[in-house]
Structure formats: C-alpha cells, structure tokens
Amino acid sequence: MDEKDELRKSEELRSFLFLTVVMVPVLTVVIIAAYGFAVWFYQMLIGGPPHH
C-alpha cells in the first residue's frame, strides 16, 4: 500500500507541475490571442478603430 501511495503522490505532483508550468501559460496566451482576434475582427467589420 505504501508503494502505491508514493506512486500516486509523485503522479499528482507531476500533474500539478504540468498544469501550473505548461497549461496555465498556454491557456493565458490562447485567451489573450482570442480576445485580440475578436477585437481585430470587430474593428474590421465596423471600419476601424473608433475616432474622436
């Protein structure tokens, strides 16, 4: 039982590190890029950025 607990803990640590080091930055970049694309597309439809 103790060996299974150690294996589970190491797998849990690897999963946590993968999520925090890889997935969070990737998702952040994807969300920001999607927002930028949405703004760009909206401005393309209405004729450009707003003017004074």
N, C-alpha and C. Protein backbone atom coordinates (compact mmCIF):
# COMPACT_ATOMS: atom_id res chain seq x y z
N MET A 1 0.82 -1.20 0.00
CA MET A 1 0.00 0.00 0.00
C MET A 1 0.86 1.26 0.00
N ASP A 2 1.97 1.22 0.71
CA ASP A 2 2.83 2.39 0.82
C ASP A 2 3.45 2.75 -0.53
N GLU A 3 3.78 1.74 -1.31
CA GLU A 3 4.37 1.99 -2.63
C GLU A 3 3.36 2.64 -3.57
N LYS A 4 2.11 2.22 -3.47
CA LYS A 4 1.06 2.83 -4.30
C LYS A 4 0.84 4.29 -3.91
N ASP A 5 0.92 4.57 -2.61
CA ASP A 5 0.76 5.95 -2.16
C ASP A 5 1.88 6.83 -2.69
N GLU A 6 3.10 6.32 -2.67
CA GLU A 6 4.23 7.09 -3.20
C GLU A 6 4.07 7.33 -4.70
N LEU A 7 3.62 6.31 -5.42
CA LEU A 7 3.41 6.45 -6.86
C LEU A 7 2.32 7.48 -7.14
N ARG A 8 1.26 7.42 -6.36
CA ARG A 8 0.15 8.37 -6.54
C ARG A 8 0.61 9.79 -6.23
N LYS A 9 1.41 9.96 -5.19
CA LYS A 9 1.89 11.29 -4.83
C LYS A 9 2.81 11.86 -5.92
N SER A 10 3.68 11.02 -6.46
CA SER A 10 4.58 11.53 -7.50
C SER A 10 3.80 11.86 -8.77
N GLU A 11 2.80 11.05 -9.08
CA GLU A 11 1.98 11.35 -10.25
C GLU A 11 1.16 12.62 -10.03
N GLU A 12 0.68 12.80 -8.83
CA GLU A 12 -0.07 14.01 -8.51
C GLU A 12 0.82 15.24 -8.61
N LEU A 13 2.05 15.14 -8.15
CA LEU A 13 2.99 16.25 -8.24
C LEU A 13 3.30 16.57 -9.70
N ARG A 14 3.53 15.54 -10.51
CA ARG A 14 3.79 15.76 -11.93
C ARG A 14 2.60 16.42 -12.62
N SER A 15 1.41 15.98 -12.28
CA SER A 15 0.20 16.58 -12.86
C SER A 15 0.08 18.05 -12.46
N PHE A 16 0.33 18.33 -11.20
CA PHE A 16 0.25 19.71 -10.71
C PHE A 16 1.28 20.59 -11.42
N LEU A 17 2.50 20.10 -11.53
CA LEU A 17 3.55 20.89 -12.19
C LEU A 17 3.22 21.10 -13.66
N PHE A 18 2.70 20.08 -14.33
CA PHE A 18 2.31 20.22 -15.73
C PHE A 18 1.23 21.28 -15.88
N LEU A 19 0.24 21.23 -14.99
CA LEU A 19 -0.85 22.21 -15.09
C LEU A 19 -0.35 23.62 -14.83
N THR A 20 0.50 23.80 -13.83
CA THR A 20 0.92 25.15 -13.48
C THR A 20 2.00 25.69 -14.40
N VAL A 21 2.89 24.84 -14.88
CA VAL A 21 4.02 25.32 -15.69
C VAL A 21 3.67 25.37 -17.17
N VAL A 22 2.81 24.47 -17.64
CA VAL A 22 2.53 24.40 -19.07
C VAL A 22 1.13 24.92 -19.40
N MET A 23 0.13 24.36 -18.78
CA MET A 23 -1.24 24.64 -19.21
C MET A 23 -1.71 26.06 -18.88
N VAL A 24 -1.38 26.56 -17.72
CA VAL A 24 -1.84 27.91 -17.36
C VAL A 24 -1.26 28.97 -18.29
N PRO A 25 0.05 28.97 -18.56
CA PRO A 25 0.56 29.96 -19.52
C PRO A 25 -0.01 29.78 -20.93
N VAL A 26 -0.15 28.54 -21.37
CA VAL A 26 -0.70 28.30 -22.71
C VAL A 26 -2.14 28.80 -22.79
N LEU A 27 -2.94 28.48 -21.79
CA LEU A 27 -4.33 28.96 -21.80
C LEU A 27 -4.40 30.47 -21.73
N THR A 28 -3.51 31.09 -20.97
CA THR A 28 -3.48 32.55 -20.88
C THR A 28 -3.20 33.16 -22.24
N VAL A 29 -2.20 32.64 -22.93
CA VAL A 29 -1.86 33.16 -24.26
C VAL A 29 -3.01 32.94 -25.23
N VAL A 30 -3.64 31.78 -25.18
CA VAL A 30 -4.75 31.49 -26.09
C VAL A 30 -5.93 32.43 -25.83
N ILE A 31 -6.24 32.67 -24.57
CA ILE A 31 -7.36 33.56 -24.25
C ILE A 31 -7.07 34.99 -24.71
N ILE A 32 -5.85 35.47 -24.46
CA ILE A 32 -5.50 36.82 -24.89
C ILE A 32 -5.49 36.93 -26.41
N ALA A 33 -4.98 35.90 -27.09
CA ALA A 33 -4.98 35.91 -28.55
C ALA A 33 -6.40 35.88 -29.10
N ALA A 34 -7.27 35.11 -28.49
CA ALA A 34 -8.67 35.06 -28.95
C ALA A 34 -9.35 36.41 -28.76
N TYR A 35 -9.08 37.06 -27.65
CA TYR A 35 -9.65 38.39 -27.42
C TYR A 35 -9.11 39.39 -28.46
N GLY A 36 -7.81 39.34 -28.71
CA GLY A 36 -7.23 40.23 -29.71
C GLY A 36 -7.81 39.98 -31.09
N PHE A 37 -8.01 38.72 -31.43
CA PHE A 37 -8.60 38.39 -32.72
C PHE A 37 -10.03 38.90 -32.80
N ALA A 38 -10.78 38.75 -31.71
CA ALA A 38 -12.17 39.22 -31.70
C ALA A 38 -12.23 40.74 -31.88
N VAL A 39 -11.35 41.46 -31.21
CA VAL A 39 -11.31 42.92 -31.36
C VAL A 39 -10.93 43.29 -32.79
N TRP A 40 -9.92 42.63 -33.33
CA TRP A 40 -9.49 42.90 -34.70
C TRP A 40 -10.62 42.64 -35.70
N PHE A 41 -11.31 41.52 -35.53
CA PHE A 41 -12.39 41.17 -36.44
C PHE A 41 -13.54 42.17 -36.31
N TYR A 42 -13.86 42.57 -35.08
CA TYR A 42 -14.92 43.55 -34.86
C TYR A 42 -14.56 44.87 -35.53
N GLN A 43 -13.32 45.31 -35.38
CA GLN A 43 -12.90 46.56 -36.00
C GLN A 43 -12.91 46.45 -37.52
N MET A 44 -12.61 45.27 -38.03
CA MET A 44 -12.66 45.08 -39.47
C MET A 44 -14.10 45.21 -39.98
N LEU A 45 -15.05 44.74 -39.20
CA LEU A 45 -16.45 44.81 -39.61
C LEU A 45 -17.01 46.23 -39.53
N ILE A 46 -16.64 46.98 -38.51
CA ILE A 46 -17.22 48.32 -38.34
C ILE A 46 -16.39 49.40 -39.00
N GLY A 47 -15.26 49.08 -39.56
CA GLY A 47 -14.49 50.07 -40.31
C GLY A 47 -13.32 50.67 -39.58
N GLY A 48 -12.79 50.02 -38.62
CA GLY A 48 -11.58 50.51 -37.97
C GLY A 48 -11.79 50.92 -36.54
N PRO A 49 -10.70 51.35 -35.90
CA PRO A 49 -10.81 51.76 -34.50
C PRO A 49 -11.63 53.05 -34.38
N PRO A 50 -12.22 53.26 -33.23
CA PRO A 50 -13.04 54.47 -33.05
C PRO A 50 -12.19 55.74 -33.11
N HIS A 51 -12.78 56.80 -33.61
CA HIS A 51 -12.10 58.09 -33.72
C HIS A 51 -12.76 59.07 -32.77
N HIS A 52 -12.06 60.15 -32.50
CA HIS A 52 -12.62 61.19 -31.60
C HIS A 52 -13.73 61.93 -32.27
